[in-house]
C-alpha cells in the first residue's frame, strides 16, 4: 500500500469536482485519469466526504 499525500488527493479531487483541467492531458480531469489505486480511493473518499447528497 502506498502512503498517499493528502494535499495531492485534495488537489486532484477539487479539480475533478470543479471540472478543472488535467495538467497532463489539458482535458477535463475525471476519476478515470487516476491510475494509482491508493490515490484513486483517496480521491473518491474525499469527494464523498466533501459533497452533499447525490
N, C-alpha and C. Protein backbone atom coordinates (compact mmCIF):
# COMPACT_ATOMS: atom_id res chain seq x y z
N UNK A 1 0.83 -1.19 0.00
CA UNK A 1 0.00 0.00 0.00
C UNK A 1 0.87 1.25 0.00
N UNK A 2 0.54 2.17 -0.85
CA UNK A 2 1.25 3.43 -0.96
C UNK A 2 0.67 4.43 0.04
N UNK A 3 1.54 5.19 0.68
CA UNK A 3 1.06 6.27 1.53
C UNK A 3 0.71 7.44 0.62
N UNK A 4 -0.53 7.89 0.71
CA UNK A 4 -0.96 8.97 -0.17
C UNK A 4 -0.75 10.32 0.49
N UNK A 5 -0.41 11.28 -0.31
CA UNK A 5 -0.22 12.64 0.15
C UNK A 5 -1.59 13.32 0.16
N UNK A 6 -2.09 13.74 1.33
CA UNK A 6 -3.42 14.32 1.40
C UNK A 6 -3.57 15.61 0.59
N UNK A 7 -2.49 16.33 0.40
CA UNK A 7 -2.55 17.55 -0.40
C UNK A 7 -2.79 17.20 -1.87
N UNK A 8 -2.10 16.18 -2.36
CA UNK A 8 -2.29 15.74 -3.74
C UNK A 8 -3.72 15.22 -3.94
N UNK A 9 -4.21 14.46 -2.95
CA UNK A 9 -5.57 13.93 -3.02
C UNK A 9 -6.57 15.09 -3.10
N UNK A 10 -6.40 16.09 -2.23
CA UNK A 10 -7.32 17.24 -2.21
C UNK A 10 -7.30 17.99 -3.53
N UNK A 11 -6.11 18.25 -4.06
CA UNK A 11 -5.99 19.00 -5.31
C UNK A 11 -6.66 18.23 -6.45
N UNK A 12 -6.38 16.94 -6.56
CA UNK A 12 -6.98 16.14 -7.63
C UNK A 12 -8.50 16.09 -7.47
N UNK A 13 -8.98 15.87 -6.26
CA UNK A 13 -10.42 15.79 -6.02
C UNK A 13 -11.11 17.10 -6.35
N UNK A 14 -10.51 18.21 -5.95
CA UNK A 14 -11.13 19.50 -6.22
C UNK A 14 -11.13 19.81 -7.71
N UNK A 15 -10.09 19.42 -8.42
CA UNK A 15 -10.09 19.61 -9.88
C UNK A 15 -11.21 18.80 -10.53
N UNK A 16 -11.39 17.57 -10.05
CA UNK A 16 -12.45 16.72 -10.60
C UNK A 16 -13.81 17.33 -10.28
N UNK A 17 -14.03 17.73 -9.04
CA UNK A 17 -15.32 18.28 -8.64
C UNK A 17 -15.65 19.59 -9.36
N UNK A 18 -14.63 20.38 -9.67
CA UNK A 18 -14.83 21.68 -10.31
C UNK A 18 -14.65 21.62 -11.83
N UNK A 19 -14.54 20.40 -12.36
CA UNK A 19 -14.34 20.20 -13.80
C UNK A 19 -13.11 20.96 -14.31
N UNK A 20 -12.05 20.90 -13.49
CA UNK A 20 -10.80 21.54 -13.85
C UNK A 20 -10.03 20.68 -14.84
N UNK A 21 -8.92 21.23 -15.33
CA UNK A 21 -8.13 20.55 -16.34
C UNK A 21 -7.11 19.62 -15.70
N UNK A 22 -6.91 18.48 -16.37
CA UNK A 22 -5.83 17.58 -16.03
C UNK A 22 -4.58 18.17 -16.68
N UNK A 23 -3.55 18.50 -15.88
CA UNK A 23 -2.37 19.13 -16.47
C UNK A 23 -1.63 18.26 -17.47
N UNK A 24 -1.81 16.94 -17.40
CA UNK A 24 -1.13 16.06 -18.36
C UNK A 24 -1.81 16.02 -19.71
N UNK A 25 -3.15 16.13 -19.72
CA UNK A 25 -3.89 15.96 -20.98
C UNK A 25 -4.53 17.25 -21.47
N UNK A 26 -4.59 18.27 -20.62
CA UNK A 26 -5.30 19.52 -20.94
C UNK A 26 -6.76 19.28 -21.27
N UNK A 27 -7.32 18.22 -20.72
CA UNK A 27 -8.75 17.93 -20.84
C UNK A 27 -9.34 17.91 -19.44
N UNK A 28 -10.67 17.92 -19.35
CA UNK A 28 -11.32 17.91 -18.05
C UNK A 28 -10.86 16.69 -17.26
N UNK A 29 -10.49 16.94 -16.01
CA UNK A 29 -9.99 15.88 -15.13
C UNK A 29 -11.14 14.98 -14.70
N UNK A 30 -10.99 13.69 -14.87
CA UNK A 30 -12.00 12.72 -14.45
C UNK A 30 -11.33 11.66 -13.58
N UNK A 31 -12.13 10.99 -12.77
CA UNK A 31 -11.60 9.99 -11.83
C UNK A 31 -10.82 8.89 -12.56
N UNK A 32 -11.20 8.57 -13.77
CA UNK A 32 -10.51 7.52 -14.54
C UNK A 32 -9.09 7.91 -14.91
N UNK A 33 -8.74 9.20 -14.80
CA UNK A 33 -7.38 9.64 -15.08
C UNK A 33 -6.40 9.17 -13.99
N UNK A 34 -6.91 8.80 -12.83
CA UNK A 34 -6.05 8.39 -11.71
C UNK A 34 -5.83 6.89 -11.80
N UNK A 35 -4.60 6.48 -12.05
CA UNK A 35 -4.30 5.06 -12.24
C UNK A 35 -3.81 4.38 -10.97
N UNK A 36 -3.28 5.15 -10.02
CA UNK A 36 -2.82 4.57 -8.76
C UNK A 36 -4.04 4.31 -7.88
N UNK A 37 -4.26 3.05 -7.53
CA UNK A 37 -5.47 2.66 -6.80
C UNK A 37 -5.57 3.33 -5.44
N UNK A 38 -4.45 3.52 -4.74
CA UNK A 38 -4.48 4.16 -3.43
C UNK A 38 -4.92 5.62 -3.54
N UNK A 39 -4.36 6.32 -4.53
CA UNK A 39 -4.76 7.71 -4.74
C UNK A 39 -6.20 7.80 -5.24
N UNK A 40 -6.57 6.89 -6.11
CA UNK A 40 -7.94 6.90 -6.61
C UNK A 40 -8.93 6.72 -5.46
N UNK A 41 -8.65 5.79 -4.55
CA UNK A 41 -9.52 5.57 -3.40
C UNK A 41 -9.55 6.81 -2.52
N UNK A 42 -8.40 7.43 -2.33
CA UNK A 42 -8.34 8.66 -1.53
C UNK A 42 -9.16 9.78 -2.14
N UNK A 43 -9.09 9.92 -3.45
CA UNK A 43 -9.86 10.96 -4.14
C UNK A 43 -11.36 10.66 -4.05
N UNK A 44 -11.72 9.39 -4.26
CA UNK A 44 -13.14 9.02 -4.15
C UNK A 44 -13.66 9.31 -2.75
N UNK A 45 -12.88 8.95 -1.73
CA UNK A 45 -13.29 9.19 -0.35
C UNK A 45 -13.42 10.69 -0.08
N UNK A 46 -12.48 11.48 -0.59
CA UNK A 46 -12.52 12.93 -0.40
C UNK A 46 -13.77 13.51 -1.04
N UNK A 47 -14.05 13.09 -2.26
CA UNK A 47 -15.24 13.61 -2.96
C UNK A 47 -16.51 13.23 -2.18
N UNK A 48 -16.61 12.01 -1.73
CA UNK A 48 -17.79 11.58 -0.98
C UNK A 48 -17.93 12.39 0.32
N UNK A 49 -16.83 12.65 0.98
CA UNK A 49 -16.87 13.36 2.26
C UNK A 49 -17.15 14.86 2.08
N UNK A 50 -16.89 15.39 0.88
CA UNK A 50 -16.99 16.83 0.68
C UNK A 50 -18.08 17.24 -0.31
N UNK A 51 -19.00 16.36 -0.57
CA UNK A 51 -20.15 16.71 -1.39
C UNK A 51 -21.41 16.38 -0.61
N UNK A 52 -22.43 17.15 -0.86
CA UNK A 52 -23.70 16.86 -0.21
C UNK A 52 -24.42 15.82 -1.03
N UNK A 53 -25.38 15.14 -0.42
CA UNK A 53 -26.11 14.04 -1.05
C UNK A 53 -26.24 14.12 -2.56
N UNK A 54 -26.13 12.99 -3.18
CA UNK A 54 -26.20 12.92 -4.65
C UNK A 54 -27.57 12.45 -5.04
